[in-house]
Amino acid sequence: MAPLGFASGQYGALAGMTQPQANSGNAVLFVCTANISRSPMAAAIFRAILQEMGGELNNWRIESAGTWAPQNRPAAPEVIALLALRGMDISDHRSRIVERDLLESFPLILTMESGHKEALLVEFRSLKGRVFTLAEIAGETGSVEDPTGGPPEAYAQAAEEIERLLRLGFEKIVEKSVIH
């Protein structure tokens, strides 16, 4: 079962996942390079998974940024179209670069590649223990490949991988994103 239309097989099923619990709030920042493909996809897909799980979006702050992002660019047209096919509207997304104040306001920062994680930790040492790759939070290694400039299939594959990893790491994301 693949409720969002990206992941297939065991990763689309909700068996074994706990419902998000009410608390003082949660916040997660997704980070990629230009903030026009992977991180906006991750934020939108995570919102959809939360809603599917019965989570209250009002209790969540879910945002994205990029390590080398040009300011105020819309998401890639391929991403907007792909997510729209699954009922997700990110047409109002605008890219932004990571900055100290933004990063420090999130208890959990999830990057698409280990290089993003390393760059953040070199420049912002105070983030140690709060920055993970998306694969790492899901108990795996590797990166979500950047589809930018690739064929439509590359965007669909990135979305599938993001959804799969978000579902695998869902409980850890909920646990580590609690605002204290």
Protein backbone atom coordinates (compact mmCIF):
# COMPACT_ATOMS: atom_id res chain seq x y z
CA MET A 1 0.00 0.00 0.00
CA ALA A 2 1.42 3.40 -0.95
CA PRO A 3 -0.92 6.12 0.33
CA LEU A 4 1.10 8.98 -1.17
CA GLY A 5 1.87 7.21 -4.39
CA PHE A 6 5.66 7.27 -4.01
CA ALA A 7 6.83 4.40 -1.81
CA SER A 8 5.79 0.85 -2.44
CA GLY A 9 5.80 -2.43 -0.58
CA GLN A 10 6.47 -2.53 3.14
CA TYR A 11 7.38 1.17 3.42
CA GLY A 12 3.92 2.37 2.43
CA ALA A 13 2.29 0.43 5.26
CA LEU A 14 1.65 2.01 8.63
CA ALA A 15 1.87 -1.16 10.66
CA GLY A 16 3.94 -0.73 13.78
CA MET A 17 4.09 3.06 13.71
CA THR A 18 2.86 4.91 16.73
CA GLN A 19 0.55 7.88 16.45
CA PRO A 20 2.22 11.27 17.00
CA GLN A 21 1.59 12.37 20.57
CA ALA A 22 0.50 15.82 21.63
CA ASN A 23 3.29 17.81 23.29
CA SER A 24 4.62 21.33 23.44
CA GLY A 25 5.28 21.13 19.72
CA ASN A 26 7.72 19.71 17.25
CA ALA A 27 9.97 21.30 14.66
CA VAL A 28 12.03 19.82 11.85
CA LEU A 29 14.09 21.56 9.16
CA PHE A 30 14.91 19.71 5.94
CA VAL A 31 18.09 20.81 4.17
CA CYS A 32 19.40 20.19 0.65
CA THR A 33 21.60 22.25 -1.65
CA ALA A 34 19.41 24.77 -3.53
CA ASN A 35 16.13 24.31 -1.60
CA ILE A 36 14.16 23.83 -4.80
CA SER A 37 13.84 20.03 -5.09
CA ARG A 38 14.67 17.56 -2.31
CA SER A 39 14.10 19.56 0.87
CA PRO A 40 10.76 21.08 -0.24
CA MET A 41 9.68 17.56 -1.32
CA ALA A 42 10.70 16.18 2.08
CA ALA A 43 8.77 18.88 3.94
CA ALA A 44 5.62 18.32 1.87
CA ILE A 45 5.80 14.53 2.06
CA PHE A 46 6.42 14.64 5.81
CA ARG A 47 3.36 16.89 6.28
CA ALA A 48 1.28 14.38 4.29
CA ILE A 49 2.57 11.45 6.37
CA LEU A 50 1.78 13.34 9.59
CA GLN A 51 -1.76 14.02 8.42
CA GLU A 52 -2.17 10.40 7.38
CA MET A 53 -1.01 9.35 10.86
CA GLY A 54 -3.51 11.65 12.55
CA GLY A 55 -0.92 14.18 13.67
CA GLU A 56 -1.91 17.77 14.35
CA LEU A 57 -0.06 19.99 11.89
CA ASN A 58 -0.77 22.97 14.18
CA ASN A 59 1.70 21.45 16.67
CA TRP A 60 4.44 21.20 14.05
CA ARG A 61 6.86 23.59 12.40
CA ILE A 62 8.07 21.92 9.19
CA GLU A 63 10.36 23.98 6.98
CA SER A 64 13.18 23.67 4.48
CA ALA A 65 16.33 25.53 3.43
CA GLY A 66 19.45 25.05 1.34
CA THR A 67 23.18 25.21 1.90
CA TRP A 68 23.75 27.07 -1.40
CA ALA A 69 20.24 28.32 -2.08
CA PRO A 70 19.48 31.36 -4.18
CA GLN A 71 16.97 33.44 -2.25
CA ASN A 72 13.28 33.40 -3.13
CA ARG A 73 13.18 30.91 -6.02
CA PRO A 74 10.11 28.71 -6.45
CA ALA A 75 10.42 24.95 -6.23
CA ALA A 76 11.47 23.25 -9.44
CA PRO A 77 8.52 22.93 -11.86
CA GLU A 78 9.05 19.15 -11.92
CA VAL A 79 8.67 19.01 -8.14
CA ILE A 80 5.56 21.18 -8.11
CA ALA A 81 3.96 18.99 -10.80
CA LEU A 82 4.97 15.69 -9.18
CA LEU A 83 3.61 16.64 -5.78
CA ALA A 84 0.44 18.16 -7.27
CA LEU A 85 -0.38 14.75 -8.77
CA ARG A 86 -0.50 13.48 -5.18
CA GLY A 87 -2.55 16.34 -3.78
CA MET A 88 0.33 18.38 -2.34
CA ASP A 89 0.54 22.05 -3.25
CA ILE A 90 3.96 23.67 -2.81
CA SER A 91 3.43 26.42 -5.38
CA ASP A 92 4.01 29.05 -2.68
CA HIS A 93 7.44 27.62 -1.71
CA ARG A 94 10.37 30.04 -1.96
CA SER A 95 13.98 28.98 -1.51
CA ARG A 96 16.20 30.29 1.26
CA ILE A 97 19.68 29.70 2.53
CA VAL A 98 20.49 28.25 5.94
CA GLU A 99 21.40 30.87 8.54
CA ARG A 100 22.41 30.58 12.17
CA ASP A 101 19.14 31.94 13.61
CA LEU A 102 17.06 29.62 11.46
CA LEU A 103 19.13 26.54 12.28
CA GLU A 104 19.26 27.23 16.00
CA SER A 105 15.46 27.45 16.16
CA PHE A 106 15.06 23.76 15.21
CA PRO A 107 15.65 20.80 17.55
CA LEU A 108 16.05 18.53 14.49
CA ILE A 109 17.72 19.23 11.14
CA LEU A 110 17.61 16.54 8.45
CA THR A 111 19.93 16.79 5.45
CA MET A 112 19.73 14.99 2.14
CA GLU A 113 23.47 14.22 1.94
CA SER A 114 26.33 13.67 4.36
CA GLY A 115 28.12 16.65 2.78
CA HIS A 116 25.28 18.93 3.89
CA LYS A 117 25.52 17.56 7.43
CA GLU A 118 29.30 17.98 7.53
CA ALA A 119 29.13 21.55 6.20
CA LEU A 120 26.54 22.55 8.79
CA LEU A 121 28.50 21.02 11.67
CA VAL A 122 31.77 22.66 10.57
CA GLU A 123 30.18 26.10 10.39
CA PHE A 124 27.71 25.74 13.27
CA ARG A 125 29.32 23.54 15.94
CA SER A 126 26.48 24.20 18.39
CA LEU A 127 24.22 22.03 16.23
CA LYS A 128 26.02 18.82 17.17
CA GLY A 129 23.48 16.14 18.10
CA ARG A 130 20.67 17.86 16.18
CA VAL A 131 21.80 17.32 12.57
CA PHE A 132 21.33 13.96 10.84
CA THR A 133 21.05 12.80 7.28
CA LEU A 134 17.60 11.57 6.33
CA ALA A 135 19.09 8.12 5.75
CA GLU A 136 20.80 8.18 9.16
CA ILE A 137 17.57 9.01 11.04
CA ALA A 138 16.03 6.00 9.25
CA GLY A 139 18.87 3.73 10.39
CA GLU A 140 20.56 3.58 6.99
CA THR A 141 23.52 5.11 5.17
CA GLY A 142 23.63 6.97 1.89
CA SER A 143 22.11 10.06 0.35
CA VAL A 144 19.01 11.12 -1.50
CA GLU A 145 20.29 11.78 -5.02
CA ASP A 146 19.74 15.28 -6.39
CA PRO A 147 17.31 15.06 -9.33
CA THR A 148 17.92 18.65 -10.47
CA GLY A 149 18.47 18.76 -14.20
CA GLY A 150 17.58 15.11 -14.61
CA PRO A 151 14.62 13.44 -16.32
CA PRO A 152 11.18 13.30 -14.66
CA GLU A 153 11.97 9.77 -13.43
CA ALA A 154 14.82 11.17 -11.31
CA TYR A 155 12.37 13.41 -9.43
CA ALA A 156 9.96 10.50 -8.90
CA GLN A 157 12.83 8.30 -7.64
CA ALA A 158 13.95 11.03 -5.22
CA ALA A 159 10.37 11.40 -3.93
CA GLU A 160 10.08 7.62 -3.46
CA GLU A 161 13.35 7.51 -1.55
CA ILE A 162 12.38 10.49 0.62
CA GLU A 163 9.02 8.94 1.49
CA ARG A 164 10.60 5.55 2.23
CA LEU A 165 13.17 7.11 4.57
CA LEU A 166 10.61 9.37 6.27
CA ARG A 167 8.41 6.36 7.01
CA LEU A 168 11.34 4.31 8.30
CA GLY A 169 12.53 7.15 10.51
CA PHE A 170 9.11 8.50 11.48
CA GLU A 171 9.23 7.60 15.17
CA LYS A 172 12.78 8.95 15.59
CA ILE A 173 11.81 12.15 13.79
CA VAL A 174 8.85 12.64 16.14
CA GLU A 175 11.03 11.87 19.18
CA LYS A 176 13.97 14.11 18.23
CA SER A 177 11.89 17.04 16.97
CA VAL A 178 10.21 17.87 20.28
CA ILE A 179 10.64 21.51 21.23
CA HIS A 180 11.99 21.79 24.77
